[in-house]
PDB file of N, CA and C in Angstrom:
ATOM      1  N   MET A   1      -1.308  10.252   1.455  1.00  0.00           N
ATOM      2  CA  MET A   1      -1.189   9.099   1.769  1.00  0.00           C
ATOM      3  C   MET A   1      -1.745   8.112   1.947  1.00  0.00           C
ATOM      4  N   ALA A   2      -0.947   7.049   1.922  1.00  0.00           N
ATOM      5  CA  ALA A   2      -1.599   5.716   1.203  1.00  0.00           C
ATOM      6  C   ALA A   2      -3.043   5.305   1.659  1.00  0.00           C
ATOM      7  N   TYR A   3      -3.385   4.351   1.281  1.00  0.00           N
ATOM      8  CA  TYR A   3      -5.009   4.152   1.052  1.00  0.00           C
ATOM      9  C   TYR A   3      -4.373   2.596   2.384  1.00  0.00           C
ATOM     10  N   LYS A   4      -5.892   2.230   2.883  1.00  0.00           N
ATOM     11  CA  LYS A   4      -5.940   0.856   3.388  1.00  0.00           C
ATOM     12  C   LYS A   4      -7.011   0.185   3.528  1.00  0.00           C
ATOM     13  N   ILE A   5      -7.266  -1.025   3.094  1.00  0.00           N
ATOM     14  CA  ILE A   5      -8.685  -1.572   3.082  1.00  0.00           C
ATOM     15  C   ILE A   5      -8.873  -2.003   4.712  1.00  0.00           C
ATOM     16  N   THR A   6     -10.052  -1.916   4.950  1.00  0.00           N
ATOM     17  CA  THR A   6     -11.062  -1.885   6.178  1.00  0.00           C
ATOM     18  C   THR A   6     -11.327  -3.010   5.933  1.00  0.00           C
ATOM     19  N   GLU A   7     -11.683  -3.833   7.406  1.00  0.00           N
ATOM     20  CA  GLU A   7     -12.533  -4.899   7.491  1.00  0.00           C
ATOM     21  C   GLU A   7     -13.668  -5.490   6.824  1.00  0.00           C
ATOM     22  N   GLU A   8     -14.134  -4.309   6.176  1.00  0.00           N
ATOM     23  CA  GLU A   8     -15.313  -4.523   5.264  1.00  0.00           C
ATOM     24  C   GLU A   8     -15.054  -5.103   4.124  1.00  0.00           C
ATOM     25  N   CYS A   9     -13.810  -5.352   3.256  1.00  0.00           N
ATOM     26  CA  CYS A   9     -13.366  -6.226   2.193  1.00  0.00           C
ATOM     27  C   CYS A   9     -14.307  -7.472   2.295  1.00  0.00           C
ATOM     28  N   ILE A  10     -14.955  -7.971   1.009  1.00  0.00           N
ATOM     29  CA  ILE A  10     -15.523  -8.579   0.938  1.00  0.00           C
ATOM     30  C   ILE A  10     -14.466  -9.452   0.218  1.00  0.00           C
ATOM     31  N   ASN A  11     -13.393  -9.572   0.060  1.00  0.00           N
ATOM     32  CA  ASN A  11     -12.559 -10.263  -0.842  1.00  0.00           C
ATOM     33  C   ASN A  11     -13.011 -10.160  -2.066  1.00  0.00           C
ATOM     34  N   CYS A  12     -13.407  -9.550  -2.824  1.00  0.00           N
ATOM     35  CA  CYS A  12     -13.709  -9.231  -4.361  1.00  0.00           C
ATOM     36  C   CYS A  12     -12.837  -9.598  -5.427  1.00  0.00           C
ATOM     37  N   GLY A  13     -11.730  -8.642  -5.031  1.00  0.00           N
ATOM     38  CA  GLY A  13     -10.558  -8.540  -5.816  1.00  0.00           C
ATOM     39  C   GLY A  13     -10.728  -7.480  -7.331  1.00  0.00           C
ATOM     40  N   ALA A  14     -12.066  -7.071  -7.083  1.00  0.00           N
ATOM     41  CA  ALA A  14     -12.001  -5.954  -8.302  1.00  0.00           C
ATOM     42  C   ALA A  14     -10.750  -4.762  -8.383  1.00  0.00           C
ATOM     43  N   CYS A  15     -10.742  -4.502  -6.476  1.00  0.00           N
ATOM     44  CA  CYS A  15      -9.495  -3.500  -6.434  1.00  0.00           C
ATOM     45  C   CYS A  15      -7.914  -4.033  -6.545  1.00  0.00           C
ATOM     46  N   GLU A  16      -7.387  -5.059  -7.167  1.00  0.00           N
ATOM     47  CA  GLU A  16      -6.011  -5.587  -7.583  1.00  0.00           C
ATOM     48  C   GLU A  16      -5.410  -5.227  -8.660  1.00  0.00           C
ATOM     49  N   PRO A  17      -6.361  -5.601  -9.746  1.00  0.00           N
ATOM     50  CA  PRO A  17      -5.810  -4.971 -11.158  1.00  0.00           C
ATOM     51  C   PRO A  17      -5.944  -3.738 -11.793  1.00  0.00           C
ATOM     52  N   GLU A  18      -6.602  -2.889 -10.897  1.00  0.00           N
ATOM     53  CA  GLU A  18      -6.886  -1.568 -11.155  1.00  0.00           C
ATOM     54  C   GLU A  18      -5.783  -0.655 -10.392  1.00  0.00           C
ATOM     55  N   CYS A  19      -4.887  -0.801  -9.520  1.00  0.00           N
ATOM     56  CA  CYS A  19      -3.920  -0.662  -9.340  1.00  0.00           C
ATOM     57  C   CYS A  19      -2.481  -0.129  -9.745  1.00  0.00           C
ATOM     58  N   PRO A  20      -2.916   0.871 -10.247  1.00  0.00           N
ATOM     59  CA  PRO A  20      -1.012   1.195 -11.074  1.00  0.00           C
ATOM     60  C   PRO A  20       0.145   1.149 -10.641  1.00  0.00           C
ATOM     61  N   ASN A  21       0.508   0.409  -9.697  1.00  0.00           N
ATOM     62  CA  ASN A  21       1.263   0.350  -8.886  1.00  0.00           C
ATOM     63  C   ASN A  21       1.702  -0.993  -7.964  1.00  0.00           C
ATOM     64  N   GLN A  22       0.898  -2.047  -8.295  1.00  0.00           N
ATOM     65  CA  GLN A  22       0.765  -3.059  -7.860  1.00  0.00           C
ATOM     66  C   GLN A  22       0.644  -2.991  -6.157  1.00  0.00           C
ATOM     67  N   ALA A  23       0.410  -2.365  -5.995  1.00  0.00           N
ATOM     68  CA  ALA A  23       0.221  -2.075  -4.172  1.00  0.00           C
ATOM     69  C   ALA A  23      -0.769  -2.737  -3.344  1.00  0.00           C
ATOM     70  N   ILE A  24      -1.567  -4.108  -4.098  1.00  0.00           N
ATOM     71  CA  ILE A  24      -2.425  -4.545  -3.385  1.00  0.00           C
ATOM     72  C   ILE A  24      -2.364  -5.642  -3.545  1.00  0.00           C
ATOM     73  N   SER A  25      -2.753  -6.712  -2.990  1.00  0.00           N
ATOM     74  CA  SER A  25      -2.595  -8.406  -3.181  1.00  0.00           C
ATOM     75  C   SER A  25      -3.478  -8.665  -2.303  1.00  0.00           C
ATOM     76  N   ALA A  26      -3.624 -10.143  -2.427  1.00  0.00           N
ATOM     77  CA  ALA A  26      -4.953 -11.037  -2.101  1.00  0.00           C
ATOM     78  C   ALA A  26      -4.146 -11.268   0.044  1.00  0.00           C
ATOM     79  N   GLY A  27      -4.577 -10.857   0.796  1.00  0.00           N
ATOM     80  CA  GLY A  27      -4.120 -10.995   2.450  1.00  0.00           C
ATOM     81  C   GLY A  27      -4.897 -12.625   2.897  1.00  0.00           C
ATOM     82  N   ASP A  28      -4.808 -13.013   3.662  1.00  0.00           N
ATOM     83  CA  ASP A  28      -5.548 -14.259   4.309  1.00  0.00           C
ATOM     84  C   ASP A  28      -7.207 -14.021   3.962  1.00  0.00           C
ATOM     85  N   THR A  29      -7.702 -12.752   5.007  1.00  0.00           N
ATOM     86  CA  THR A  29      -9.097 -12.704   4.626  1.00  0.00           C
ATOM     87  C   THR A  29      -9.789 -11.847   3.845  1.00  0.00           C
ATOM     88  N   ILE A  30      -8.449 -10.752   3.742  1.00  0.00           N
ATOM     89  CA  ILE A  30      -9.011  -9.565   2.692  1.00  0.00           C
ATOM     90  C   ILE A  30      -8.130  -9.196   2.181  1.00  0.00           C
ATOM     91  N   TYR A  31      -8.096  -7.860   1.211  1.00  0.00           N
ATOM     92  CA  TYR A  31      -7.062  -7.639   0.343  1.00  0.00           C
ATOM     93  C   TYR A  31      -6.341  -6.106   0.926  1.00  0.00           C
ATOM     94  N   ILE A  32      -5.134  -6.308   0.723  1.00  0.00           N
ATOM     95  CA  ILE A  32      -4.170  -5.162   1.394  1.00  0.00           C
ATOM     96  C   ILE A  32      -3.060  -4.738   0.708  1.00  0.00           C
ATOM     97  N   ILE A  33      -2.890  -3.412   1.061  1.00  0.00           N
ATOM     98  CA  ILE A  33      -2.285  -2.520   0.542  1.00  0.00           C
ATOM     99  C   ILE A  33      -1.139  -2.138   1.000  1.00  0.00           C
ATOM    100  N   GLU A  34      -0.111  -2.146   0.295  1.00  0.00           N
ATOM    101  CA  GLU A  34       1.426  -2.066   0.901  1.00  0.00           C
ATOM    102  C   GLU A  34       1.441  -0.456   0.814  1.00  0.00           C
ATOM    103  N   PRO A  35       1.651   0.048   1.631  1.00  0.00           N
ATOM    104  CA  PRO A  35       1.948   1.184   2.051  1.00  0.00           C
ATOM    105  C   PRO A  35       3.016   2.048   1.149  1.00  0.00           C
ATOM    106  N   GLU A  36       4.436   1.333   1.087  1.00  0.00           N
ATOM    107  CA  GLU A  36       5.348   2.233   0.670  1.00  0.00           C
ATOM    108  C   GLU A  36       5.092   2.338  -1.267  1.00  0.00           C
ATOM    109  N   LYS A  37       4.079   1.410  -1.756  1.00  0.00           N
ATOM    110  CA  LYS A  37       3.959   1.821  -2.982  1.00  0.00           C
ATOM    111  C   LYS A  37       2.597   2.114  -3.560  1.00  0.00           C
ATOM    112  N   CYS A  38       1.719   2.767  -2.136  1.00  0.00           N
ATOM    113  CA  CYS A  38       0.659   3.254  -2.981  1.00  0.00           C
ATOM    114  C   CYS A  38       0.303   5.029  -2.362  1.00  0.00           C
ATOM    115  N   THR A  39       0.372   5.269  -3.877  1.00  0.00           N
ATOM    116  CA  THR A  39       0.541   7.031  -4.154  1.00  0.00           C
ATOM    117  C   THR A  39      -0.804   7.668  -3.902  1.00  0.00           C
ATOM    118  N   GLU A  40      -1.499   6.902  -3.882  1.00  0.00           N
ATOM    119  CA  GLU A  40      -3.280   7.408  -3.842  1.00  0.00           C
ATOM    120  C   GLU A  40      -3.581   7.634  -5.639  1.00  0.00           C
ATOM    121  N   CYS A  41      -2.859   6.742  -6.292  1.00  0.00           N
ATOM    122  CA  CYS A  41      -2.896   6.901  -7.949  1.00  0.00           C
ATOM    123  C   CYS A  41      -1.944   7.975  -8.178  1.00  0.00           C
ATOM    124  N   VAL A  42      -2.041   8.628  -7.916  1.00  0.00           N
ATOM    125  CA  VAL A  42      -1.270  10.338  -7.816  1.00  0.00           C
ATOM    126  C   VAL A  42      -0.111  10.082  -8.937  1.00  0.00           C
ATOM    127  N   GLY A  43      -0.002  10.124  -9.965  1.00  0.00           N
ATOM    128  CA  GLY A  43       0.737  10.206 -11.128  1.00  0.00           C
ATOM    129  C   GLY A  43       0.279   9.426 -12.164  1.00  0.00           C
ATOM    130  N   SER A  44      -1.014   8.560 -11.717  1.00  0.00           N
ATOM    131  CA  SER A  44      -1.652   7.643 -13.354  1.00  0.00           C
ATOM    132  C   SER A  44      -2.796   8.340 -13.325  1.00  0.00           C
ATOM    133  N   TYR A  45      -4.049   8.470 -12.219  1.00  0.00           N
ATOM    134  CA  TYR A  45      -5.021   8.670 -12.148  1.00  0.00           C
ATOM    135  C   TYR A  45      -5.521  10.383 -11.387  1.00  0.00           C
ATOM    136  N   ASP A  46      -6.712  11.073 -11.886  1.00  0.00           N
ATOM    137  CA  ASP A  46      -7.246  12.034 -10.961  1.00  0.00           C
ATOM    138  C   ASP A  46      -7.834  11.643  -9.642  1.00  0.00           C
ATOM    139  N   GLU A  47      -8.204  10.105  -9.123  1.00  0.00           N
ATOM    140  CA  GLU A  47      -8.831   9.727  -8.451  1.00  0.00           C
ATOM    141  C   GLU A  47      -7.773   8.719  -7.907  1.00  0.00           C
ATOM    142  N   SER A  48      -8.243   7.811  -6.790  1.00  0.00           N
ATOM    143  CA  SER A  48      -7.744   6.463  -6.511  1.00  0.00           C
ATOM    144  C   SER A  48      -9.070   5.183  -6.876  1.00  0.00           C
ATOM    145  N   GLN A  49      -8.182   4.320  -7.755  1.00  0.00           N
ATOM    146  CA  GLN A  49      -8.927   3.724  -8.536  1.00  0.00           C
ATOM    147  C   GLN A  49      -9.518   2.896  -7.594  1.00  0.00           C
ATOM    148  N   CYS A  50      -8.451   2.542  -6.609  1.00  0.00           N
ATOM    149  CA  CYS A  50      -9.437   1.194  -5.805  1.00  0.00           C
ATOM    150  C   CYS A  50     -10.168   1.617  -4.884  1.00  0.00           C
ATOM    151  N   LYS A  51     -10.576   3.053  -4.539  1.00  0.00           N
ATOM    152  CA  LYS A  51     -11.539   3.513  -3.903  1.00  0.00           C
ATOM    153  C   LYS A  51     -12.922   3.688  -4.963  1.00  0.00           C
ATOM    154  N   ALA A  52     -12.446   3.690  -6.289  1.00  0.00           N
ATOM    155  CA  ALA A  52     -13.070   4.343  -7.143  1.00  0.00           C
ATOM    156  C   ALA A  52     -14.219   2.559  -7.669  1.00  0.00           C
ATOM    157  N   VAL A  53     -13.218   1.710  -7.098  1.00  0.00           N
ATOM    158  CA  VAL A  53     -14.068   0.011  -7.719  1.00  0.00           C
ATOM    159  C   VAL A  53     -14.339  -0.541  -6.517  1.00  0.00           C
ATOM    160  N   CYS A  54     -14.205  -0.521  -5.580  1.00  0.00           N
ATOM    161  CA  CYS A  54     -14.008  -0.913  -4.709  1.00  0.00           C
ATOM    162  C   CYS A  54     -16.371  -1.198  -4.420  1.00  0.00           C
ATOM    163  N   PRO A  55     -17.363  -2.238  -4.073  1.00  0.00           N
ATOM    164  CA  PRO A  55     -18.387  -2.352  -4.102  1.00  0.00           C
ATOM    165  C   PRO A  55     -18.851  -1.972  -2.713  1.00  0.00           C
ATOM    166  N   VAL A  56     -18.125  -1.783  -1.843  1.00  0.00           N
ATOM    167  CA  VAL A  56     -18.317  -1.801  -0.156  1.00  0.00           C
ATOM    168  C   VAL A  56     -17.827  -0.996   0.049  1.00  0.00           C
ATOM    169  N   ASP A  57     -16.932  -0.026  -0.499  1.00  0.00           N
ATOM    170  CA  ASP A  57     -16.488   1.552   0.215  1.00  0.00           C
ATOM    171  C   ASP A  57     -15.239   0.861   1.070  1.00  0.00           C
ATOM    172  N   ALA A  58     -13.997  -0.268   1.195  1.00  0.00           N
ATOM    173  CA  ALA A  58     -13.146  -0.372   2.057  1.00  0.00           C
ATOM    174  C   ALA A  58     -12.177   0.293   2.128  1.00  0.00           C
ATOM    175  N   CYS A  59     -12.087   0.787   0.634  1.00  0.00           N
ATOM    176  CA  CYS A  59     -10.526   1.482   0.424  1.00  0.00           C
ATOM    177  C   CYS A  59     -10.795   3.052   1.107  1.00  0.00           C
ATOM    178  N   VAL A  60      -9.680   3.155   2.379  1.00  0.00           N
ATOM    179  CA  VAL A  60     -10.295   4.283   2.645  1.00  0.00           C
ATOM    180  C   VAL A  60      -8.481   5.143   2.805  1.00  0.00           C
ATOM    181  N   PRO A  61      -8.741   6.422   3.134  1.00  0.00           N
ATOM    182  CA  PRO A  61      -7.155   6.517   3.453  1.00  0.00           C
ATOM    183  C   PRO A  61      -6.464   6.694   4.757  1.00  0.00           C
ATOM    184  N   ASP A  62      -5.815   6.087   4.533  1.00  0.00           N
ATOM    185  CA  ASP A  62      -4.967   5.768   6.193  1.00  0.00           C
ATOM    186  C   ASP A  62      -4.096   7.049   6.974  1.00  0.00           C
ATOM    187  N   PRO A  63      -5.241   7.309   7.873  1.00  0.00           N
ATOM    188  CA  PRO A  63      -4.381   8.508   8.565  1.00  0.00           C
ATOM    189  C   PRO A  63      -3.304   8.187   9.223  1.00  0.00           C
ATOM    190  N   ASP A  64      -2.943   6.933   9.233  1.00  0.00           N
ATOM    191  CA  ASP A  64      -1.362   6.876   9.947  1.00  0.00           C
ATOM    192  C   ASP A  64      -0.227   6.970   8.636  1.00  0.00           C
ATOM    193  N   LYS A  65      -0.560   7.096   7.595  1.00  0.00           N
ATOM    194  CA  LYS A  65       0.541   7.343   6.592  1.00  0.00           C
ATOM    195  C   LYS A  65       0.025   8.310   5.666  1.00  0.00           C
ATOM    196  N   VAL A  66       0.159   9.200   6.385  1.00  0.00           N
ATOM    197  CA  VAL A  66      -0.055  10.802   5.701  1.00  0.00           C
ATOM    198  C   VAL A  66       1.193  11.678   5.101  1.00  0.00           C
ATOM    199  N   GLU A  67       0.932  11.780   3.718  1.00  0.00           N
ATOM    200  CA  GLU A  67       1.721  12.120   2.976  1.00  0.00           C
ATOM    201  C   GLU A  67       1.485  13.397   2.104  1.00  0.00           C
ATOM    202  N   SER A  68       2.329  14.042   1.314  1.00  0.00           N
ATOM    203  CA  SER A  68       1.738  15.286   0.573  1.00  0.00           C
ATOM    204  C   SER A  68       1.974  14.683  -0.735  1.00  0.00           C
ATOM    205  N   ARG A  69       1.203  15.506  -1.721  1.00  0.00           N
ATOM    206  CA  ARG A  69       0.829  15.762  -2.929  1.00  0.00           C
ATOM    207  C   ARG A  69       2.513  15.608  -3.502  1.00  0.00           C
ATOM    208  N   GLU A  70       3.200  15.800  -3.136  1.00  0.00           N
ATOM    209  CA  GLU A  70       4.625  16.501  -3.784  1.00  0.00           C
ATOM    210  C   GLU A  70       5.211  14.634  -3.621  1.00  0.00           C
ATOM    211  N   GLU A  71       5.088  14.243  -1.517  1.00  0.00           N
ATOM    212  CA  GLU A  71       5.848  13.133  -1.653  1.00  0.00           C
ATOM    213  C   GLU A  71       5.176  12.103  -2.054  1.00  0.00           C
ATOM    214  N   LEU A  72       3.797  11.846  -2.532  1.00  0.00           N
ATOM    215  CA  LEU A  72       3.075  11.282  -3.712  1.00  0.00           C
ATOM    216  C   LEU A  72       3.882  10.824  -4.820  1.00  0.00           C
ATOM    217  N   GLU A  73       3.882  12.246  -5.299  1.00  0.00           N
ATOM    218  CA  GLU A  73       4.307  12.482  -7.055  1.00  0.00           C
ATOM    219  C   GLU A  73       6.042  11.836  -6.837  1.00  0.00           C
ATOM    220  N   ALA A  74       6.480  11.985  -5.891  1.00  0.00           N
ATOM    221  CA  ALA A  74       8.139  11.596  -5.710  1.00  0.00           C
ATOM    222  C   ALA A  74       8.293   9.789  -5.626  1.00  0.00           C
ATOM    223  N   LYS A  75       7.493   9.355  -5.028  1.00  0.00           N
ATOM    224  CA  LYS A  75       7.362   7.863  -4.539  1.00  0.00           C
ATOM    225  C   LYS A  75       6.825   7.623  -5.974  1.00  0.00           C
ATOM    226  N   TYR A  76       5.883   8.101  -6.671  1.00  0.00           N
ATOM    227  CA  TYR A  76       5.500   7.382  -7.934  1.00  0.00           C
ATOM    228  C   TYR A  76       6.670   7.330  -8.714  1.00  0.00           C
ATOM    229  N   LYS A  77       7.155   8.472  -8.964  1.00  0.00           N
ATOM    230  CA  LYS A  77       8.573   8.316  -9.683  1.00  0.00           C
ATOM    231  C   LYS A  77       9.536   7.418  -9.516  1.00  0.00           C
ATOM    232  N   LYS A  78       9.942   7.442  -8.051  1.00  0.00           N
ATOM    233  CA  LYS A  78      10.914   6.199  -7.673  1.00  0.00           C
ATOM    234  C   LYS A  78       9.941   4.810  -8.232  1.00  0.00           C
ATOM    235  N   LEU A  79       9.106   4.601  -7.950  1.00  0.00           N
ATOM    236  CA  LEU A  79       8.554   3.349  -8.464  1.00  0.00           C
ATOM    237  C   LEU A  79       8.825   3.174 -10.243  1.00  0.00           C
ATOM    238  N   HIS A  80       8.192   4.221 -10.730  1.00  0.00           N
ATOM    239  CA  HIS A  80       8.167   4.319 -12.270  1.00  0.00           C
ATOM    240  C   HIS A  80       9.468   4.172 -13.248  1.00  0.00           C
ATOM    241  N   GLY A  81      10.272   5.131 -12.747  1.00  0.00           N
ATOM    242  CA  GLY A  81      11.790   5.369 -12.998  1.00  0.00           C
ATOM    243  C   GLY A  81      11.549   6.575 -13.723  1.00  0.00           C
TER     244      GLY A  81
END
C-alpha cells in the first residue's frame, strides 16, 4: 500500500530526502507522494522512512492503494533494476 501525505503536513520537507525511491516532492501547499514510486520503503528499510521522520504524523498508508509485500518488492526492483 502506498503512503500518502495528509493535510496535516506542515510543509517542513523532512520526508523528501529520506525517500529511497524519490517518490516525494513539494506540492502547492503540502508535500505529495507519487503512488507509482512508493514501496513503503520495502527493499530499502524495515519501516517507511517518511512516517518515521514526519513531526506531525502526516504520512499515512493510503487505503486506496493496497499492495501486497510481493507487489511492493516487484515495484522496488522495477524502480532500481
